[in-house]
Amino acid sequence: LESCPPIKRMVAVHGVNVKTECMYALKVNTVRTKPKVLTTKFVLDDATELVERKPGRSMNKGMIYELEDPDHPSGDGTVTLASMEHCRRWADSLSLTVEHIPG
């Protein structure tokens, strides 16, 4: 169980509404590096497409992005909104104010 920081009040301020990488479609890529040596690694699967298109999501070359939509802001270009809003889980334990700064 997560513990709330030992404080009474928190103000979280973060940027929003900037296209933010949030997921990746990967595929296994096995290549022969020497005559008897195979190397396997994961690479972006640029042929993959979203099965179900949802507002606020797009996909390009194996990368899935979080985008601003009318009902839900997106991340700050580096961190997804869900990660930045993690502090909301503590709202019952402290006085919390969350401010968004559009980017």
Protein backbone atom coordinates (compact mmCIF):
# COMPACT_ATOMS: atom_id res chain seq x y z
CA LEU A 1 0.00 0.00 0.00
CA GLU A 2 1.31 3.41 -0.94
CA SER A 3 2.05 5.87 1.79
CA CYS A 4 1.27 9.54 1.59
CA PRO A 5 4.13 11.97 2.25
CA PRO A 6 4.10 13.21 5.86
CA ILE A 7 2.76 16.66 4.98
CA LYS A 8 -0.58 18.42 5.46
CA ARG A 9 -0.81 20.35 2.19
CA MET A 10 0.41 19.81 -1.38
CA VAL A 11 0.23 21.92 -4.52
CA ALA A 12 1.10 20.03 -7.71
CA VAL A 13 1.78 22.17 -10.78
CA HIS A 14 2.55 20.57 -14.11
CA GLY A 15 2.38 21.23 -17.83
CA VAL A 16 -0.28 19.53 -19.94
CA ASN A 17 -1.57 19.18 -23.50
CA VAL A 18 1.69 18.36 -25.25
CA LYS A 19 1.98 15.21 -27.40
CA THR A 20 3.57 12.64 -25.05
CA GLU A 21 4.90 9.14 -25.72
CA CYS A 22 2.99 6.74 -23.49
CA MET A 23 3.33 3.21 -24.96
CA TYR A 24 5.32 1.27 -27.50
CA ALA A 25 4.53 -1.60 -29.88
CA LEU A 26 7.54 -3.91 -29.98
CA LYS A 27 8.48 -6.97 -31.97
CA VAL A 28 11.23 -9.54 -31.55
CA ASN A 29 14.05 -9.03 -34.01
CA THR A 30 16.55 -11.86 -34.33
CA VAL A 31 19.65 -11.28 -36.43
CA ARG A 32 22.74 -13.32 -37.15
CA THR A 33 25.72 -11.35 -35.82
CA LYS A 34 28.29 -14.08 -36.52
CA PRO A 35 28.02 -17.30 -38.53
CA LYS A 36 26.90 -19.31 -35.49
CA VAL A 37 25.56 -16.52 -33.24
CA LEU A 38 21.99 -15.24 -33.24
CA THR A 39 21.14 -12.07 -31.33
CA THR A 40 17.58 -11.30 -30.31
CA LYS A 41 16.34 -7.91 -29.23
CA PHE A 42 13.12 -5.92 -29.20
CA VAL A 43 12.59 -3.19 -31.79
CA LEU A 44 9.72 -0.82 -32.51
CA ASP A 45 7.09 -2.43 -34.72
CA ASP A 46 6.39 0.34 -37.22
CA ALA A 47 3.78 -1.75 -39.07
CA THR A 48 1.45 -2.02 -36.06
CA GLU A 49 -1.78 -0.03 -35.97
CA LEU A 50 -4.17 0.73 -33.13
CA VAL A 51 -7.00 -1.83 -33.12
CA GLU A 52 -9.44 0.60 -31.56
CA ARG A 53 -8.91 4.30 -32.11
CA LYS A 54 -9.71 6.39 -29.07
CA PRO A 55 -9.78 10.15 -28.66
CA GLY A 56 -6.53 11.35 -27.14
CA ARG A 57 -4.38 8.56 -28.64
CA SER A 58 -2.40 8.28 -31.85
CA MET A 59 0.23 5.89 -33.15
CA ASN A 60 3.18 6.46 -35.44
CA LYS A 61 6.07 4.07 -36.22
CA GLY A 62 5.44 1.85 -33.19
CA MET A 63 5.05 4.69 -30.70
CA ILE A 64 1.70 5.45 -29.08
CA TYR A 65 1.12 9.02 -28.03
CA GLU A 66 -1.18 10.67 -25.51
CA LEU A 67 -2.81 13.75 -27.09
CA GLU A 68 -5.00 16.52 -25.77
CA ASP A 69 -8.71 15.93 -26.37
CA PRO A 70 -11.74 17.93 -25.19
CA ASP A 71 -12.44 15.60 -22.23
CA HIS A 72 -8.93 14.74 -21.09
CA PRO A 73 -5.62 16.64 -21.11
CA SER A 74 -2.39 14.93 -22.12
CA GLY A 75 1.08 14.89 -20.60
CA ASP A 76 3.82 17.50 -20.76
CA GLY A 77 5.81 16.04 -23.66
CA THR A 78 7.99 13.92 -21.36
CA VAL A 79 5.79 12.51 -18.58
CA THR A 80 2.28 11.11 -19.08
CA LEU A 81 -0.66 12.76 -17.34
CA ALA A 82 -1.34 9.60 -15.29
CA SER A 83 2.15 9.74 -13.80
CA MET A 84 1.96 13.44 -13.02
CA GLU A 85 -1.47 13.02 -11.44
CA HIS A 86 -0.34 10.19 -9.14
CA CYS A 87 -0.56 12.62 -6.22
CA ARG A 88 -4.37 12.53 -6.50
CA ARG A 89 -4.24 9.14 -4.74
CA TRP A 90 -3.32 11.03 -1.58
CA ALA A 91 -6.25 13.49 -1.75
CA ASP A 92 -8.02 11.83 1.20
CA SER A 93 -4.92 12.17 3.39
CA LEU A 94 -3.88 15.78 2.76
CA SER A 95 -5.10 19.07 1.35
CA LEU A 96 -4.34 18.79 -2.38
CA THR A 97 -4.47 21.38 -5.16
CA VAL A 98 -3.52 20.39 -8.72
CA GLU A 99 -2.83 23.11 -11.30
CA HIS A 100 -2.37 22.52 -15.02
CA ILE A 101 -0.30 24.82 -17.19
CA PRO A 102 -1.16 24.31 -20.89
CA GLY A 103 1.93 23.77 -23.04
